[in-house]
Amino acid sequence: MKIKTEKLTVSTKGNCDVVNITESVQSLIDKYELHEGNVTVFVVGSTASISTIEYEPGLRKDLPQLLEKLIPSGQKYFHNDTWGDHNGHAHLRSTLFGCSQTIPFIKGDLMLGTWQQIIVIDFDERPRERKIIVQLVGE
């Protein structure tokens, strides 16, 4: 059983920017010639998330609209009072989605659905360089 850990850096625009990282994750499985196991993908920080979605233009517009209804960006949040910033909504959205996903792989391929991709969602109010930890466990 091998355990391999890699770091990826993803540039984001903030404000619910969605970035597809599926190919980067798959390339790490290929790099280490792993055939069967699990990969955990974790974003460092409390205003971004890792999830899966059908990465297509309509859903990339629908997701921010849904989140604006559930956790509006312009609302008053106690977090903003604490730190004097304006990203309380980003922290709450990140908590809702979570910061990691674990995906199995078999015969060297991620076991994702036909239209399912691994994404980073940046909820913060500004562009960021997001650090992603990818940990592979397998053989």
C-alpha atoms as a PDB file:
ATOM      1  CA  MET A   1       0.000   0.000   0.000  1.00  0.00           C
ATOM      2  CA  LYS A   2       1.400   3.381  -1.022  1.00  0.00           C
ATOM      3  CA  ILE A   3       0.547   6.775   0.402  1.00  0.00           C
ATOM      4  CA  LYS A   4       1.477   9.746  -1.773  1.00  0.00           C
ATOM      5  CA  THR A   5       0.752  13.377  -0.971  1.00  0.00           C
ATOM      6  CA  GLU A   6       0.941  16.211  -3.485  1.00  0.00           C
ATOM      7  CA  LYS A   7       0.072  19.916  -3.440  1.00  0.00           C
ATOM      8  CA  LEU A   8      -1.730  21.737  -6.223  1.00  0.00           C
ATOM      9  CA  THR A   9      -2.160  25.494  -6.562  1.00  0.00           C
ATOM     10  CA  VAL A  10      -5.282  26.862  -8.200  1.00  0.00           C
ATOM     11  CA  SER A  11      -5.840  30.509  -9.139  1.00  0.00           C
ATOM     12  CA  THR A  12      -9.412  31.602  -8.468  1.00  0.00           C
ATOM     13  CA  LYS A  13     -11.410  34.761  -9.082  1.00  0.00           C
ATOM     14  CA  GLY A  14     -13.421  34.555  -5.837  1.00  0.00           C
ATOM     15  CA  ASN A  15     -17.162  35.219  -5.607  1.00  0.00           C
ATOM     16  CA  CYS A  16     -18.225  31.611  -6.198  1.00  0.00           C
ATOM     17  CA  ASP A  17     -15.616  30.883  -8.861  1.00  0.00           C
ATOM     18  CA  VAL A  18     -15.701  27.185  -9.796  1.00  0.00           C
ATOM     19  CA  VAL A  19     -12.496  25.503 -11.060  1.00  0.00           C
ATOM     20  CA  ASN A  20     -12.392  21.965 -12.467  1.00  0.00           C
ATOM     21  CA  ILE A  21      -9.408  20.021 -11.072  1.00  0.00           C
ATOM     22  CA  THR A  22     -10.394  16.529 -12.226  1.00  0.00           C
ATOM     23  CA  GLU A  23      -7.575  16.181 -14.770  1.00  0.00           C
ATOM     24  CA  SER A  24      -4.971  17.319 -12.247  1.00  0.00           C
ATOM     25  CA  VAL A  25      -6.144  14.718  -9.733  1.00  0.00           C
ATOM     26  CA  GLN A  26      -6.277  11.960 -12.368  1.00  0.00           C
ATOM     27  CA  SER A  27      -2.766  12.857 -13.524  1.00  0.00           C
ATOM     28  CA  LEU A  28      -1.432  12.175 -10.013  1.00  0.00           C
ATOM     29  CA  ILE A  29      -2.950   8.685 -10.031  1.00  0.00           C
ATOM     30  CA  ASP A  30      -1.257   8.161 -13.406  1.00  0.00           C
ATOM     31  CA  LYS A  31       2.057   9.612 -12.172  1.00  0.00           C
ATOM     32  CA  TYR A  32       2.318   7.093  -9.343  1.00  0.00           C
ATOM     33  CA  GLU A  33       0.927   4.235 -11.448  1.00  0.00           C
ATOM     34  CA  LEU A  34      -1.695   3.409  -8.834  1.00  0.00           C
ATOM     35  CA  HIS A  35      -4.425   0.960  -9.819  1.00  0.00           C
ATOM     36  CA  GLU A  36      -6.829   0.775  -6.886  1.00  0.00           C
ATOM     37  CA  GLY A  37      -7.431   2.930  -3.835  1.00  0.00           C
ATOM     38  CA  ASN A  38      -8.815   6.264  -2.700  1.00  0.00           C
ATOM     39  CA  VAL A  39      -7.853   9.861  -3.276  1.00  0.00           C
ATOM     40  CA  THR A  40      -8.690  12.587  -0.789  1.00  0.00           C
ATOM     41  CA  VAL A  41      -8.785  16.134  -2.127  1.00  0.00           C
ATOM     42  CA  PHE A  42      -8.612  18.889   0.532  1.00  0.00           C
ATOM     43  CA  VAL A  43      -8.613  22.669   0.114  1.00  0.00           C
ATOM     44  CA  VAL A  44      -6.606  24.661   2.660  1.00  0.00           C
ATOM     45  CA  GLY A  45      -8.582  27.607   4.022  1.00  0.00           C
ATOM     46  CA  SER A  46     -12.010  28.344   5.432  1.00  0.00           C
ATOM     47  CA  THR A  47     -13.596  30.225   2.517  1.00  0.00           C
ATOM     48  CA  ALA A  48     -13.373  27.570  -0.210  1.00  0.00           C
ATOM     49  CA  SER A  49     -14.659  24.037  -0.737  1.00  0.00           C
ATOM     50  CA  ILE A  50     -14.112  20.851  -2.685  1.00  0.00           C
ATOM     51  CA  SER A  51     -17.133  19.219  -4.289  1.00  0.00           C
ATOM     52  CA  THR A  52     -18.275  17.466  -7.448  1.00  0.00           C
ATOM     53  CA  ILE A  53     -20.590  18.784 -10.136  1.00  0.00           C
ATOM     54  CA  GLU A  54     -21.374  18.502 -13.804  1.00  0.00           C
ATOM     55  CA  TYR A  55     -18.937  21.200 -14.909  1.00  0.00           C
ATOM     56  CA  GLU A  56     -21.013  22.961 -17.535  1.00  0.00           C
ATOM     57  CA  PRO A  57     -21.859  26.657 -18.056  1.00  0.00           C
ATOM     58  CA  GLY A  58     -25.462  26.467 -16.828  1.00  0.00           C
ATOM     59  CA  LEU A  59     -24.648  24.879 -13.481  1.00  0.00           C
ATOM     60  CA  ARG A  60     -21.691  27.223 -13.027  1.00  0.00           C
ATOM     61  CA  LYS A  61     -24.268  30.064 -13.164  1.00  0.00           C
ATOM     62  CA  ASP A  62     -26.961  28.225 -11.168  1.00  0.00           C
ATOM     63  CA  LEU A  63     -24.708  27.438  -8.205  1.00  0.00           C
ATOM     64  CA  PRO A  64     -23.859  31.070  -7.310  1.00  0.00           C
ATOM     65  CA  GLN A  65     -27.520  32.046  -7.716  1.00  0.00           C
ATOM     66  CA  LEU A  66     -28.615  29.284  -5.334  1.00  0.00           C
ATOM     67  CA  LEU A  67     -25.991  30.256  -2.773  1.00  0.00           C
ATOM     68  CA  GLU A  68     -26.978  33.910  -2.987  1.00  0.00           C
ATOM     69  CA  LYS A  69     -30.511  32.848  -1.982  1.00  0.00           C
ATOM     70  CA  LEU A  70     -29.355  30.534   0.818  1.00  0.00           C
ATOM     71  CA  ILE A  71     -26.457  32.574   2.228  1.00  0.00           C
ATOM     72  CA  PRO A  72     -26.578  36.099   0.737  1.00  0.00           C
ATOM     73  CA  SER A  73     -23.317  37.991   0.364  1.00  0.00           C
ATOM     74  CA  GLY A  74     -24.792  41.381   1.310  1.00  0.00           C
ATOM     75  CA  GLN A  75     -26.292  40.316   4.629  1.00  0.00           C
ATOM     76  CA  LYS A  76     -24.898  41.334   8.019  1.00  0.00           C
ATOM     77  CA  TYR A  77     -22.768  38.573   9.582  1.00  0.00           C
ATOM     78  CA  PHE A  78     -21.210  38.668  13.049  1.00  0.00           C
ATOM     79  CA  HIS A  79     -17.948  37.380  11.543  1.00  0.00           C
ATOM     80  CA  ASN A  80     -17.643  40.627   9.583  1.00  0.00           C
ATOM     81  CA  ASP A  81     -17.900  42.606  12.851  1.00  0.00           C
ATOM     82  CA  THR A  82     -15.252  40.428  14.483  1.00  0.00           C
ATOM     83  CA  TRP A  83     -12.569  40.901  11.805  1.00  0.00           C
ATOM     84  CA  GLY A  84     -13.716  44.031   9.977  1.00  0.00           C
ATOM     85  CA  ASP A  85     -13.938  42.186   6.681  1.00  0.00           C
ATOM     86  CA  HIS A  86     -16.901  41.269   4.486  1.00  0.00           C
ATOM     87  CA  ASN A  87     -16.601  37.531   3.905  1.00  0.00           C
ATOM     88  CA  GLY A  88     -18.800  36.005   6.604  1.00  0.00           C
ATOM     89  CA  HIS A  89     -20.935  34.553   3.830  1.00  0.00           C
ATOM     90  CA  ALA A  90     -17.863  32.838   2.343  1.00  0.00           C
ATOM     91  CA  HIS A  91     -17.097  31.056   5.614  1.00  0.00           C
ATOM     92  CA  LEU A  92     -20.689  29.847   5.959  1.00  0.00           C
ATOM     93  CA  ARG A  93     -20.828  28.632   2.355  1.00  0.00           C
ATOM     94  CA  SER A  94     -17.567  26.745   2.825  1.00  0.00           C
ATOM     95  CA  THR A  95     -18.932  25.089   5.950  1.00  0.00           C
ATOM     96  CA  LEU A  96     -22.035  24.018   4.037  1.00  0.00           C
ATOM     97  CA  PHE A  97     -20.011  22.251   1.305  1.00  0.00           C
ATOM     98  CA  GLY A  98     -17.008  21.093   3.327  1.00  0.00           C
ATOM     99  CA  CYS A  99     -13.322  21.243   2.538  1.00  0.00           C
ATOM    100  CA  SER A 100     -12.674  17.741   1.168  1.00  0.00           C
ATOM    101  CA  GLN A 101     -13.918  14.824  -0.898  1.00  0.00           C
ATOM    102  CA  THR A 102     -12.724  11.226  -1.037  1.00  0.00           C
ATOM    103  CA  ILE A 103     -13.080   9.466  -4.376  1.00  0.00           C
ATOM    104  CA  PRO A 104     -12.237   5.820  -5.080  1.00  0.00           C
ATOM    105  CA  PHE A 105     -10.209   4.797  -8.117  1.00  0.00           C
ATOM    106  CA  ILE A 106     -10.177   1.391  -9.804  1.00  0.00           C
ATOM    107  CA  LYS A 107      -7.886   0.237 -12.625  1.00  0.00           C
ATOM    108  CA  GLY A 108      -6.230   3.656 -12.382  1.00  0.00           C
ATOM    109  CA  ASP A 109      -9.435   5.597 -13.123  1.00  0.00           C
ATOM    110  CA  LEU A 110     -11.395   7.869 -10.817  1.00  0.00           C
ATOM    111  CA  MET A 111     -14.818   6.364 -10.151  1.00  0.00           C
ATOM    112  CA  LEU A 112     -16.725   9.488 -11.131  1.00  0.00           C
ATOM    113  CA  GLY A 113     -20.007   9.533 -12.999  1.00  0.00           C
ATOM    114  CA  THR A 114     -20.040  10.332 -16.707  1.00  0.00           C
ATOM    115  CA  TRP A 115     -20.620  14.049 -16.116  1.00  0.00           C
ATOM    116  CA  GLN A 116     -19.144  14.318 -12.609  1.00  0.00           C
ATOM    117  CA  GLN A 117     -16.007  16.413 -12.090  1.00  0.00           C
ATOM    118  CA  ILE A 118     -14.020  17.410  -9.009  1.00  0.00           C
ATOM    119  CA  ILE A 119     -14.179  21.141  -8.366  1.00  0.00           C
ATOM    120  CA  VAL A 120     -12.778  23.846  -6.127  1.00  0.00           C
ATOM    121  CA  ILE A 121     -15.281  26.551  -5.263  1.00  0.00           C
ATOM    122  CA  ASP A 122     -13.871  29.832  -3.972  1.00  0.00           C
ATOM    123  CA  PHE A 123     -16.462  31.755  -1.979  1.00  0.00           C
ATOM    124  CA  ASP A 124     -14.222  34.613  -0.850  1.00  0.00           C
ATOM    125  CA  GLU A 125     -14.739  38.129  -2.150  1.00  0.00           C
ATOM    126  CA  ARG A 126     -11.418  38.419  -3.985  1.00  0.00           C
ATOM    127  CA  PRO A 127      -9.066  36.406  -6.209  1.00  0.00           C
ATOM    128  CA  ARG A 128      -6.901  33.886  -4.381  1.00  0.00           C
ATOM    129  CA  GLU A 129      -4.206  31.287  -4.898  1.00  0.00           C
ATOM    130  CA  ARG A 130      -5.764  28.194  -3.363  1.00  0.00           C
ATOM    131  CA  LYS A 131      -3.637  25.347  -2.036  1.00  0.00           C
ATOM    132  CA  ILE A 132      -5.079  21.906  -2.605  1.00  0.00           C
ATOM    133  CA  ILE A 133      -3.715  18.818  -0.861  1.00  0.00           C
ATOM    134  CA  VAL A 134      -4.205  15.572  -2.777  1.00  0.00           C
ATOM    135  CA  GLN A 135      -3.491  12.386  -0.848  1.00  0.00           C
ATOM    136  CA  LEU A 136      -3.509   9.044  -2.649  1.00  0.00           C
ATOM    137  CA  VAL A 137      -3.777   5.763  -0.786  1.00  0.00           C
ATOM    138  CA  GLY A 138      -3.594   2.648  -2.924  1.00  0.00           C
ATOM    139  CA  GLU A 139      -1.577   0.124  -4.808  1.00  0.00           C
END
